[in-house]
C-alpha atoms as a PDB file:
ATOM      1  CA  UNK A   1      -4.043  -5.485   9.323  1.00  0.00           C
ATOM      2  CA  UNK A   2      -0.474  -6.873   8.675  1.00  0.00           C
ATOM      3  CA  UNK A   3       1.487  -5.018   5.978  1.00  0.00           C
ATOM      4  CA  UNK A   4      -0.806  -4.831   3.324  1.00  0.00           C
ATOM      5  CA  UNK A   5      -1.233  -1.027   2.095  1.00  0.00           C
ATOM      6  CA  UNK A   6      -5.012  -0.508   2.967  1.00  0.00           C
ATOM      7  CA  UNK A   7      -4.914   1.210  -0.994  1.00  0.00           C
ATOM      8  CA  UNK A   8      -3.540  -0.379  -3.545  1.00  0.00           C
ATOM      9  CA  UNK A   9      -3.653  -3.992  -1.812  1.00  0.00           C
ATOM     10  CA  UNK A  10      -0.037  -4.372  -2.453  1.00  0.00           C
ATOM     11  CA  UNK A  11       1.106  -7.159   0.281  1.00  0.00           C
ATOM     12  CA  UNK A  12       3.769  -9.020   0.616  1.00  0.00           C
ATOM     13  CA  UNK A  13       5.272 -11.384  -1.909  1.00  0.00           C
ATOM     14  CA  UNK A  14       7.395 -14.768  -1.385  1.00  0.00           C
ATOM     15  CA  UNK A  15      10.640 -15.864  -3.608  1.00  0.00           C
ATOM     16  CA  UNK A  16      13.983 -17.774  -3.217  1.00  0.00           C
ATOM     17  CA  UNK A  17      17.478 -16.248  -1.814  1.00  0.00           C
ATOM     18  CA  UNK A  18      19.772 -18.111  -5.024  1.00  0.00           C
ATOM     19  CA  UNK A  19      23.411 -18.722  -3.383  1.00  0.00           C
ATOM     20  CA  UNK A  20      26.141 -18.487  -5.434  1.00  0.00           C
ATOM     21  CA  UNK A  21      26.135 -22.346  -5.663  1.00  0.00           C
ATOM     22  CA  UNK A  22      22.470 -22.494  -6.849  1.00  0.00           C
ATOM     23  CA  UNK A  23      20.979 -23.223  -3.271  1.00  0.00           C
ATOM     24  CA  UNK A  24      17.382 -22.183  -2.642  1.00  0.00           C
ATOM     25  CA  UNK A  25      16.093 -20.792   0.677  1.00  0.00           C
ATOM     26  CA  UNK A  26      12.253 -18.685   1.090  1.00  0.00           C
ATOM     27  CA  UNK A  27      12.895 -15.604   1.714  1.00  0.00           C
ATOM     28  CA  UNK A  28       9.796 -12.713   2.220  1.00  0.00           C
ATOM     29  CA  UNK A  29       9.319  -9.153   0.272  1.00  0.00           C
ATOM     30  CA  UNK A  30       7.452  -6.837   1.487  1.00  0.00           C
ATOM     31  CA  UNK A  31       5.965  -3.703   0.456  1.00  0.00           C
ATOM     32  CA  UNK A  32       7.144  -0.114   1.230  1.00  0.00           C
ATOM     33  CA  UNK A  33       3.991   0.885   3.818  1.00  0.00           C
ATOM     34  CA  UNK A  34       3.855   4.038   5.637  1.00  0.00           C
ATOM     35  CA  UNK A  35       1.903   4.950   8.510  1.00  0.00           C
ATOM     36  CA  UNK A  36       0.652   8.549   6.966  1.00  0.00           C
ATOM     37  CA  UNK A  37      -1.974  11.403   8.032  1.00  0.00           C
ATOM     38  CA  UNK A  38      -4.070  12.497   5.022  1.00  0.00           C
ATOM     39  CA  UNK A  39      -6.612  15.354   5.721  1.00  0.00           C
ATOM     40  CA  UNK A  40     -10.674  14.600   4.268  1.00  0.00           C
ATOM     41  CA  UNK A  41     -11.686  18.041   2.980  1.00  0.00           C
ATOM     42  CA  UNK A  42     -15.526  17.225   2.778  1.00  0.00           C
ATOM     43  CA  UNK A  43     -15.595  15.492   6.059  1.00  0.00           C
ATOM     44  CA  UNK A  44     -12.624  18.010   7.659  1.00  0.00           C
ATOM     45  CA  UNK A  45     -11.072  14.722   9.514  1.00  0.00           C
ATOM     46  CA  UNK A  46      -7.417  13.413   9.854  1.00  0.00           C
ATOM     47  CA  UNK A  47      -7.833   9.643   8.685  1.00  0.00           C
ATOM     48  CA  UNK A  48      -4.165   7.489   9.171  1.00  0.00           C
ATOM     49  CA  UNK A  49      -3.874   5.185   6.016  1.00  0.00           C
ATOM     50  CA  UNK A  50      -1.389   2.660   5.856  1.00  0.00           C
ATOM     51  CA  UNK A  51      -0.224   3.056   2.728  1.00  0.00           C
ATOM     52  CA  UNK A  52       2.798   2.104   0.166  1.00  0.00           C
ATOM     53  CA  UNK A  53       4.757   5.134  -1.332  1.00  0.00           C
ATOM     54  CA  UNK A  54       3.254   3.971  -4.738  1.00  0.00           C
ATOM     55  CA  UNK A  55       0.173   5.145  -3.073  1.00  0.00           C
ATOM     56  CA  UNK A  56       1.757   8.144  -1.389  1.00  0.00           C
ATOM     57  CA  UNK A  57       2.762  10.044  -4.703  1.00  0.00           C
ATOM     58  CA  UNK A  58      -0.965   9.015  -6.298  1.00  0.00           C
ATOM     59  CA  UNK A  59      -2.751  10.318  -3.435  1.00  0.00           C
ATOM     60  CA  UNK A  60      -0.484  13.423  -4.090  1.00  0.00           C
ATOM     61  CA  UNK A  61      -0.732  13.605  -7.840  1.00  0.00           C
ATOM     62  CA  UNK A  62      -5.209  12.845  -7.475  1.00  0.00           C
ATOM     63  CA  UNK A  63      -6.006  13.614  -4.421  1.00  0.00           C
ATOM     64  CA  UNK A  64      -7.628  11.506  -1.812  1.00  0.00           C
ATOM     65  CA  UNK A  65     -10.817  11.534  -2.051  1.00  0.00           C
ATOM     66  CA  UNK A  66     -10.395  10.271  -6.045  1.00  0.00           C
ATOM     67  CA  UNK A  67      -7.804   7.868  -5.226  1.00  0.00           C
ATOM     68  CA  UNK A  68     -10.182   6.470  -2.747  1.00  0.00           C
ATOM     69  CA  UNK A  69     -13.287   6.492  -5.137  1.00  0.00           C
ATOM     70  CA  UNK A  70     -10.758   4.644  -7.744  1.00  0.00           C
ATOM     71  CA  UNK A  71      -9.666   2.373  -5.621  1.00  0.00           C
ATOM     72  CA  UNK A  72     -13.292   1.561  -4.429  1.00  0.00           C
ATOM     73  CA  UNK A  73     -14.192   0.858  -7.803  1.00  0.00           C
ATOM     74  CA  UNK A  74     -11.189  -1.910  -8.643  1.00  0.00           C
ATOM     75  CA  UNK A  75     -11.854  -3.522  -5.668  1.00  0.00           C
ATOM     76  CA  UNK A  76      -8.602  -3.018  -3.902  1.00  0.00           C
ATOM     77  CA  UNK A  77     -10.083  -0.704  -1.081  1.00  0.00           C
ATOM     78  CA  UNK A  78      -9.644  -2.578   2.851  1.00  0.00           C
ATOM     79  CA  UNK A  79     -10.252   0.238   5.010  1.00  0.00           C
END
């Protein structure tokens, strides 16, 4: 899987580098993705997810299973 967060669905965005002379060239904005191991208490297993740092904060606040449930409802979950 390419540069896409498995929880939030954040992906690479495109934009322009703009020089002082107002020349525009294409560039990419990459999300801050990290591979992180999480412990699933209900199954007693560890899972490795490629998630953005915002998703890590959300998981730390709400818990992994609640975050996965919310992402599934929103349709952003890609496991």
